[in-house]
Amino acid sequence: MRYSEFWELVEEVLGSAHGRELVATLVLGALENRTAAAALEDGEDPRSVWHALCDELQIPESRRWGADERRPAPPRR
């Protein structure tokens, strides 16, 4: 997953303003108690960060990949 795909999914799945706020402020245990933004800045794979964010927010698999049903869901690493 590219960074641009991560941000597209943030906006599509979580909403533009709300999603960016969550990325900036929600501390995730799965990311060693960092925010998604901090994890990305530290070089974490965007796919891992996306899965951690979705897991924390309990977003079902069926909604994680946006409205495009043909978009393949990137596997976890």
PDB file of N, CA and C in Angstrom:
ATOM      1  N   MET A   1       0.861  -1.170   0.000  1.00  0.00           N
ATOM      2  CA  MET A   1       0.000   0.000   0.000  1.00  0.00           C
ATOM      3  C   MET A   1       0.906   1.231   0.000  1.00  0.00           C
ATOM      4  N   ARG A   2       0.588   2.163  -0.869  1.00  0.00           N
ATOM      5  CA  ARG A   2       1.316   3.433  -0.919  1.00  0.00           C
ATOM      6  C   ARG A   2       0.710   4.417   0.077  1.00  0.00           C
ATOM      7  N   TYR A   3       1.474   5.436   0.419  1.00  0.00           N
ATOM      8  CA  TYR A   3       0.974   6.470   1.333  1.00  0.00           C
ATOM      9  C   TYR A   3      -0.278   7.135   0.775  1.00  0.00           C
ATOM     10  N   SER A   4      -0.301   7.348  -0.535  1.00  0.00           N
ATOM     11  CA  SER A   4      -1.475   7.988  -1.149  1.00  0.00           C
ATOM     12  C   SER A   4      -2.714   7.112  -0.984  1.00  0.00           C
ATOM     13  N   GLU A   5      -2.560   5.792  -1.085  1.00  0.00           N
ATOM     14  CA  GLU A   5      -3.693   4.885  -0.884  1.00  0.00           C
ATOM     15  C   GLU A   5      -4.163   4.942   0.571  1.00  0.00           C
ATOM     16  N   PHE A   6      -3.204   5.005   1.503  1.00  0.00           N
ATOM     17  CA  PHE A   6      -3.560   5.115   2.913  1.00  0.00           C
ATOM     18  C   PHE A   6      -4.453   6.336   3.123  1.00  0.00           C
ATOM     19  N   TRP A   7      -4.030   7.479   2.625  1.00  0.00           N
ATOM     20  CA  TRP A   7      -4.793   8.711   2.852  1.00  0.00           C
ATOM     21  C   TRP A   7      -6.128   8.709   2.117  1.00  0.00           C
ATOM     22  N   GLU A   8      -6.187   8.081   0.948  1.00  0.00           N
ATOM     23  CA  GLU A   8      -7.471   7.943   0.241  1.00  0.00           C
ATOM     24  C   GLU A   8      -8.447   7.141   1.084  1.00  0.00           C
ATOM     25  N   LEU A   9      -7.971   6.044   1.669  1.00  0.00           N
ATOM     26  CA  LEU A   9      -8.840   5.210   2.501  1.00  0.00           C
ATOM     27  C   LEU A   9      -9.246   5.929   3.781  1.00  0.00           C
ATOM     28  N   VAL A  10      -8.334   6.692   4.374  1.00  0.00           N
ATOM     29  CA  VAL A  10      -8.680   7.474   5.562  1.00  0.00           C
ATOM     30  C   VAL A  10      -9.863   8.378   5.235  1.00  0.00           C
ATOM     31  N   GLU A  11      -9.767   9.095   4.130  1.00  0.00           N
ATOM     32  CA  GLU A  11     -10.844  10.024   3.763  1.00  0.00           C
ATOM     33  C   GLU A  11     -12.133   9.295   3.404  1.00  0.00           C
ATOM     34  N   GLU A  12     -12.016   8.211   2.662  1.00  0.00           N
ATOM     35  CA  GLU A  12     -13.207   7.500   2.206  1.00  0.00           C
ATOM     36  C   GLU A  12     -13.906   6.737   3.331  1.00  0.00           C
ATOM     37  N   VAL A  13     -13.144   6.062   4.168  1.00  0.00           N
ATOM     38  CA  VAL A  13     -13.717   5.198   5.198  1.00  0.00           C
ATOM     39  C   VAL A  13     -14.051   5.973   6.474  1.00  0.00           C
ATOM     40  N   LEU A  14     -13.185   6.913   6.849  1.00  0.00           N
ATOM     41  CA  LEU A  14     -13.360   7.613   8.124  1.00  0.00           C
ATOM     42  C   LEU A  14     -13.876   9.039   7.977  1.00  0.00           C
ATOM     43  N   GLY A  15     -13.821   9.564   6.780  1.00  0.00           N
ATOM     44  CA  GLY A  15     -14.221  10.949   6.560  1.00  0.00           C
ATOM     45  C   GLY A  15     -12.994  11.849   6.584  1.00  0.00           C
ATOM     46  N   SER A  16     -13.022  12.890   5.811  1.00  0.00           N
ATOM     47  CA  SER A  16     -11.852  13.733   5.632  1.00  0.00           C
ATOM     48  C   SER A  16     -11.339  14.327   6.947  1.00  0.00           C
ATOM     49  N   ALA A  17     -12.133  15.145   7.590  1.00  0.00           N
ATOM     50  CA  ALA A  17     -11.685  15.829   8.807  1.00  0.00           C
ATOM     51  C   ALA A  17     -11.553  14.858   9.983  1.00  0.00           C
ATOM     52  N   HIS A  18     -12.558  14.020  10.176  1.00  0.00           N
ATOM     53  CA  HIS A  18     -12.543  13.083  11.300  1.00  0.00           C
ATOM     54  C   HIS A  18     -11.398  12.085  11.151  1.00  0.00           C
ATOM     55  N   GLY A  19     -11.203  11.578   9.959  1.00  0.00           N
ATOM     56  CA  GLY A  19     -10.142  10.610   9.715  1.00  0.00           C
ATOM     57  C   GLY A  19      -8.772  11.183   9.993  1.00  0.00           C
ATOM     58  N   ARG A  20      -8.518  12.384   9.510  1.00  0.00           N
ATOM     59  CA  ARG A  20      -7.216  13.020   9.747  1.00  0.00           C
ATOM     60  C   ARG A  20      -7.003  13.304  11.230  1.00  0.00           C
ATOM     61  N   GLU A  21      -8.070  13.653  11.940  1.00  0.00           N
ATOM     62  CA  GLU A  21      -7.970  13.878  13.384  1.00  0.00           C
ATOM     63  C   GLU A  21      -7.612  12.579  14.099  1.00  0.00           C
ATOM     64  N   LEU A  22      -8.257  11.477  13.715  1.00  0.00           N
ATOM     65  CA  LEU A  22      -7.949  10.180  14.322  1.00  0.00           C
ATOM     66  C   LEU A  22      -6.504   9.764  14.056  1.00  0.00           C
ATOM     67  N   VAL A  23      -6.046   9.959  12.833  1.00  0.00           N
ATOM     68  CA  VAL A  23      -4.665   9.604  12.487  1.00  0.00           C
ATOM     69  C   VAL A  23      -3.683  10.403  13.342  1.00  0.00           C
ATOM     70  N   ALA A  24      -4.018  11.644  13.605  1.00  0.00           N
ATOM     71  CA  ALA A  24      -3.109  12.527  14.343  1.00  0.00           C
ATOM     72  C   ALA A  24      -3.155  12.333  15.853  1.00  0.00           C
ATOM     73  N   THR A  25      -4.301  11.881  16.400  1.00  0.00           N
ATOM     74  CA  THR A  25      -4.447  11.909  17.859  1.00  0.00           C
ATOM     75  C   THR A  25      -4.700  10.558  18.538  1.00  0.00           C
ATOM     76  N   LEU A  26      -5.224   9.584  17.823  1.00  0.00           N
ATOM     77  CA  LEU A  26      -5.565   8.304  18.451  1.00  0.00           C
ATOM     78  C   LEU A  26      -4.308   7.464  18.665  1.00  0.00           C
ATOM     79  N   VAL A  27      -3.999   7.181  19.918  1.00  0.00           N
ATOM     80  CA  VAL A  27      -2.831   6.370  20.262  1.00  0.00           C
ATOM     81  C   VAL A  27      -3.223   4.897  20.138  1.00  0.00           C
ATOM     82  N   LEU A  28      -2.405   4.147  19.404  1.00  0.00           N
ATOM     83  CA  LEU A  28      -2.708   2.750  19.099  1.00  0.00           C
ATOM     84  C   LEU A  28      -1.702   1.825  19.760  1.00  0.00           C
ATOM     85  N   GLY A  29      -2.197   0.942  20.609  1.00  0.00           N
ATOM     86  CA  GLY A  29      -1.332  -0.029  21.269  1.00  0.00           C
ATOM     87  C   GLY A  29      -0.592  -0.911  20.283  1.00  0.00           C
ATOM     88  N   ALA A  30      -1.245  -1.265  19.195  1.00  0.00           N
ATOM     89  CA  ALA A  30      -0.632  -2.136  18.188  1.00  0.00           C
ATOM     90  C   ALA A  30       0.550  -1.465  17.488  1.00  0.00           C
ATOM     91  N   LEU A  31       0.628  -0.140  17.619  1.00  0.00           N
ATOM     92  CA  LEU A  31       1.735   0.602  17.015  1.00  0.00           C
ATOM     93  C   LEU A  31       2.691   1.116  18.096  1.00  0.00           C
ATOM     94  N   GLU A  32       2.849   0.325  19.136  1.00  0.00           N
ATOM     95  CA  GLU A  32       3.751   0.660  20.243  1.00  0.00           C
ATOM     96  C   GLU A  32       3.378   1.990  20.892  1.00  0.00           C
ATOM     97  N   ASN A  33       2.073   2.164  21.086  1.00  0.00           N
ATOM     98  CA  ASN A  33       1.525   3.361  21.738  1.00  0.00           C
ATOM     99  C   ASN A  33       1.907   4.652  21.025  1.00  0.00           C
ATOM    100  N   ARG A  34       1.860   4.583  19.706  1.00  0.00           N
ATOM    101  CA  ARG A  34       2.063   5.770  18.872  1.00  0.00           C
ATOM    102  C   ARG A  34       0.774   6.057  18.133  1.00  0.00           C
ATOM    103  N   THR A  35       0.649   7.271  17.643  1.00  0.00           N
ATOM    104  CA  THR A  35      -0.458   7.579  16.745  1.00  0.00           C
ATOM    105  C   THR A  35      -0.112   7.024  15.366  1.00  0.00           C
ATOM    106  N   ALA A  36      -1.114   6.923  14.517  1.00  0.00           N
ATOM    107  CA  ALA A  36      -0.863   6.466  13.146  1.00  0.00           C
ATOM    108  C   ALA A  36       0.097   7.422  12.448  1.00  0.00           C
ATOM    109  N   ALA A  37      -0.081   8.727  12.681  1.00  0.00           N
ATOM    110  CA  ALA A  37       0.795   9.721  12.058  1.00  0.00           C
ATOM    111  C   ALA A  37       2.243   9.521  12.496  1.00  0.00           C
ATOM    112  N   ALA A  38       2.455   9.294  13.790  1.00  0.00           N
ATOM    113  CA  ALA A  38       3.813   9.084  14.300  1.00  0.00           C
ATOM    114  C   ALA A  38       4.411   7.806  13.726  1.00  0.00           C
ATOM    115  N   ALA A  39       3.616   6.762  13.632  1.00  0.00           N
ATOM    116  CA  ALA A  39       4.105   5.501  13.076  1.00  0.00           C
ATOM    117  C   ALA A  39       4.522   5.675  11.612  1.00  0.00           C
ATOM    118  N   LEU A  40       3.719   6.394  10.845  1.00  0.00           N
ATOM    119  CA  LEU A  40       4.070   6.656   9.448  1.00  0.00           C
ATOM    120  C   LEU A  40       5.348   7.475   9.362  1.00  0.00           C
ATOM    121  N   GLU A  41       5.476   8.485  10.210  1.00  0.00           N
ATOM    122  CA  GLU A  41       6.685   9.313  10.229  1.00  0.00           C
ATOM    123  C   GLU A  41       7.916   8.489  10.595  1.00  0.00           C
ATOM    124  N   ASP A  42       7.711   7.475  11.422  1.00  0.00           N
ATOM    125  CA  ASP A  42       8.813   6.608  11.834  1.00  0.00           C
ATOM    126  C   ASP A  42       9.138   5.536  10.796  1.00  0.00           C
ATOM    127  N   GLY A  43       8.407   5.524   9.680  1.00  0.00           N
ATOM    128  CA  GLY A  43       8.701   4.594   8.602  1.00  0.00           C
ATOM    129  C   GLY A  43       7.914   3.301   8.599  1.00  0.00           C
ATOM    130  N   GLU A  44       6.898   3.201   9.451  1.00  0.00           N
ATOM    131  CA  GLU A  44       6.053   1.991   9.440  1.00  0.00           C
ATOM    132  C   GLU A  44       5.342   1.869   8.096  1.00  0.00           C
ATOM    133  N   ASP A  45       5.114   0.646   7.698  1.00  0.00           N
ATOM    134  CA  ASP A  45       4.406   0.364   6.452  1.00  0.00           C
ATOM    135  C   ASP A  45       2.971   0.875   6.558  1.00  0.00           C
ATOM    136  N   PRO A  46       2.516   1.681   5.589  1.00  0.00           N
ATOM    137  CA  PRO A  46       1.148   2.201   5.644  1.00  0.00           C
ATOM    138  C   PRO A  46       0.090   1.116   5.774  1.00  0.00           C
ATOM    139  N   ARG A  47       0.328  -0.045   5.196  1.00  0.00           N
ATOM    140  CA  ARG A  47      -0.627  -1.154   5.295  1.00  0.00           C
ATOM    141  C   ARG A  47      -0.789  -1.603   6.740  1.00  0.00           C
ATOM    142  N   SER A  48       0.313  -1.737   7.452  1.00  0.00           N
ATOM    143  CA  SER A  48       0.264  -2.142   8.859  1.00  0.00           C
ATOM    144  C   SER A  48      -0.428  -1.080   9.704  1.00  0.00           C
ATOM    145  N   VAL A  49      -0.152   0.172   9.396  1.00  0.00           N
ATOM    146  CA  VAL A  49      -0.776   1.273  10.129  1.00  0.00           C
ATOM    147  C   VAL A  49      -2.281   1.278   9.868  1.00  0.00           C
ATOM    148  N   TRP A  50      -2.677   1.059   8.624  1.00  0.00           N
ATOM    149  CA  TRP A  50      -4.104   1.033   8.291  1.00  0.00           C
ATOM    150  C   TRP A  50      -4.811  -0.096   9.026  1.00  0.00           C
ATOM    151  N   HIS A  51      -4.219  -1.281   9.026  1.00  0.00           N
ATOM    152  CA  HIS A  51      -4.834  -2.411   9.736  1.00  0.00           C
ATOM    153  C   HIS A  51      -4.938  -2.116  11.233  1.00  0.00           C
ATOM    154  N   ALA A  52      -3.902  -1.534  11.818  1.00  0.00           N
ATOM    155  CA  ALA A  52      -3.936  -1.213  13.248  1.00  0.00           C
ATOM    156  C   ALA A  52      -5.030  -0.200  13.557  1.00  0.00           C
ATOM    157  N   LEU A  53      -5.165   0.805  12.713  1.00  0.00           N
ATOM    158  CA  LEU A  53      -6.194   1.821  12.896  1.00  0.00           C
ATOM    159  C   LEU A  53      -7.587   1.200  12.777  1.00  0.00           C
ATOM    160  N   CYS A  54      -7.791   0.398  11.759  1.00  0.00           N
ATOM    161  CA  CYS A  54      -9.093  -0.251  11.568  1.00  0.00           C
ATOM    162  C   CYS A  54      -9.413  -1.229  12.693  1.00  0.00           C
ATOM    163  N   ASP A  55      -8.409  -1.961  13.148  1.00  0.00           N
ATOM    164  CA  ASP A  55      -8.628  -2.893  14.257  1.00  0.00           C
ATOM    165  C   ASP A  55      -9.066  -2.131  15.501  1.00  0.00           C
ATOM    166  N   GLU A  56      -8.381  -1.054  15.813  1.00  0.00           N
ATOM    167  CA  GLU A  56      -8.704  -0.264  17.007  1.00  0.00           C
ATOM    168  C   GLU A  56     -10.117   0.315  16.929  1.00  0.00           C
ATOM    169  N   LEU A  57     -10.504   0.745  15.744  1.00  0.00           N
ATOM    170  CA  LEU A  57     -11.829   1.347  15.553  1.00  0.00           C
ATOM    171  C   LEU A  57     -12.906   0.304  15.266  1.00  0.00           C
ATOM    172  N   GLN A  58     -12.519  -0.963  15.241  1.00  0.00           N
ATOM    173  CA  GLN A  58     -13.425  -2.084  14.985  1.00  0.00           C
ATOM    174  C   GLN A  58     -14.188  -1.920  13.672  1.00  0.00           C
ATOM    175  N   ILE A  59     -13.468  -1.525  12.660  1.00  0.00           N
ATOM    176  CA  ILE A  59     -14.051  -1.386  11.325  1.00  0.00           C
ATOM    177  C   ILE A  59     -14.063  -2.764  10.683  1.00  0.00           C
ATOM    178  N   PRO A  60     -15.235  -3.241  10.270  1.00  0.00           N
ATOM    179  CA  PRO A  60     -15.304  -4.584   9.676  1.00  0.00           C
ATOM    180  C   PRO A  60     -14.549  -4.653   8.350  1.00  0.00           C
ATOM    181  N   GLU A  61     -14.046  -5.834   8.041  1.00  0.00           N
ATOM    182  CA  GLU A  61     -13.309  -6.045   6.787  1.00  0.00           C
ATOM    183  C   GLU A  61     -14.083  -5.534   5.576  1.00  0.00           C
ATOM    184  N   SER A  62     -15.378  -5.706   5.585  1.00  0.00           N
ATOM    185  CA  SER A  62     -16.189  -5.306   4.433  1.00  0.00           C
ATOM    186  C   SER A  62     -16.189  -3.799   4.188  1.00  0.00           C
ATOM    187  N   ARG A  63     -15.825  -3.002   5.185  1.00  0.00           N
ATOM    188  CA  ARG A  63     -15.811  -1.542   5.042  1.00  0.00           C
ATOM    189  C   ARG A  63     -14.409  -0.959   4.950  1.00  0.00           C
ATOM    190  N   ARG A  64     -13.392  -1.751   5.215  1.00  0.00           N
ATOM    191  CA  ARG A  64     -12.028  -1.233   5.296  1.00  0.00           C
ATOM    192  C   ARG A  64     -11.471  -0.736   3.976  1.00  0.00           C
ATOM    193  N   TRP A  65     -11.999  -1.191   2.889  1.00  0.00           N
ATOM    194  CA  TRP A  65     -11.380  -0.891   1.596  1.00  0.00           C
ATOM    195  C   TRP A  65     -12.212   0.051   0.762  1.00  0.00           C
ATOM    196  N   GLY A  66     -13.109   0.792   1.399  1.00  0.00           N
ATOM    197  CA  GLY A  66     -13.878   1.815   0.703  1.00  0.00           C
ATOM    198  C   GLY A  66     -15.027   1.251  -0.097  1.00  0.00           C
ATOM    199  N   ALA A  67     -15.575   2.092  -0.924  1.00  0.00           N
ATOM    200  CA  ALA A  67     -16.776   1.746  -1.674  1.00  0.00           C
ATOM    201  C   ALA A  67     -16.491   0.912  -2.923  1.00  0.00           C
ATOM    202  N   ASP A  68     -15.273   0.946  -3.416  1.00  0.00           N
ATOM    203  CA  ASP A  68     -14.923   0.206  -4.627  1.00  0.00           C
ATOM    204  C   ASP A  68     -14.797  -1.275  -4.295  1.00  0.00           C
ATOM    205  N   GLU A  69     -15.799  -2.050  -4.665  1.00  0.00           N
ATOM    206  CA  GLU A  69     -15.806  -3.480  -4.357  1.00  0.00           C
ATOM    207  C   GLU A  69     -14.730  -4.242  -5.118  1.00  0.00           C
ATOM    208  N   ARG A  70     -14.180  -3.637  -6.155  1.00  0.00           N
ATOM    209  CA  ARG A  70     -13.120  -4.308  -6.936  1.00  0.00           C
ATOM    210  C   ARG A  70     -11.729  -4.014  -6.381  1.00  0.00           C
ATOM    211  N   ARG A  71     -11.644  -3.088  -5.427  1.00  0.00           N
ATOM    212  CA  ARG A  71     -10.341  -2.783  -4.825  1.00  0.00           C
ATOM    213  C   ARG A  71      -9.912  -3.967  -3.979  1.00  0.00           C
ATOM    214  N   PRO A  72      -8.746  -4.526  -4.281  1.00  0.00           N
ATOM    215  CA  PRO A  72      -8.288  -5.663  -3.484  1.00  0.00           C
ATOM    216  C   PRO A  72      -7.852  -5.206  -2.093  1.00  0.00           C
ATOM    217  N   ALA A  73      -8.197  -5.995  -1.128  1.00  0.00           N
ATOM    218  CA  ALA A  73      -7.775  -5.708   0.236  1.00  0.00           C
ATOM    219  C   ALA A  73      -6.338  -6.174   0.419  1.00  0.00           C
ATOM    220  N   PRO A  74      -5.438  -5.255   0.755  1.00  0.00           N
ATOM    221  CA  PRO A  74      -4.052  -5.684   0.972  1.00  0.00           C
ATOM    222  C   PRO A  74      -3.954  -6.612   2.173  1.00  0.00           C
ATOM    223  N   PRO A  75      -3.254  -7.715   2.027  1.00  0.00           N
ATOM    224  CA  PRO A  75      -3.130  -8.640   3.161  1.00  0.00           C
ATOM    225  C   PRO A  75      -2.287  -8.036   4.275  1.00  0.00           C
ATOM    226  N   ARG A  76      -2.456  -8.563   5.464  1.00  0.00           N
ATOM    227  CA  ARG A  76      -1.608  -8.134   6.573  1.00  0.00           C
ATOM    228  C   ARG A  76      -0.214  -8.688   6.361  1.00  0.00           C
ATOM    229  N   ARG A  77       0.740  -7.997   6.919  1.00  0.00           N
ATOM    230  CA  ARG A  77       2.128  -8.487   6.820  1.00  0.00           C
ATOM    231  C   ARG A  77       2.544  -9.084   8.110  1.00  0.00           C
TER     232      ARG A  77
END
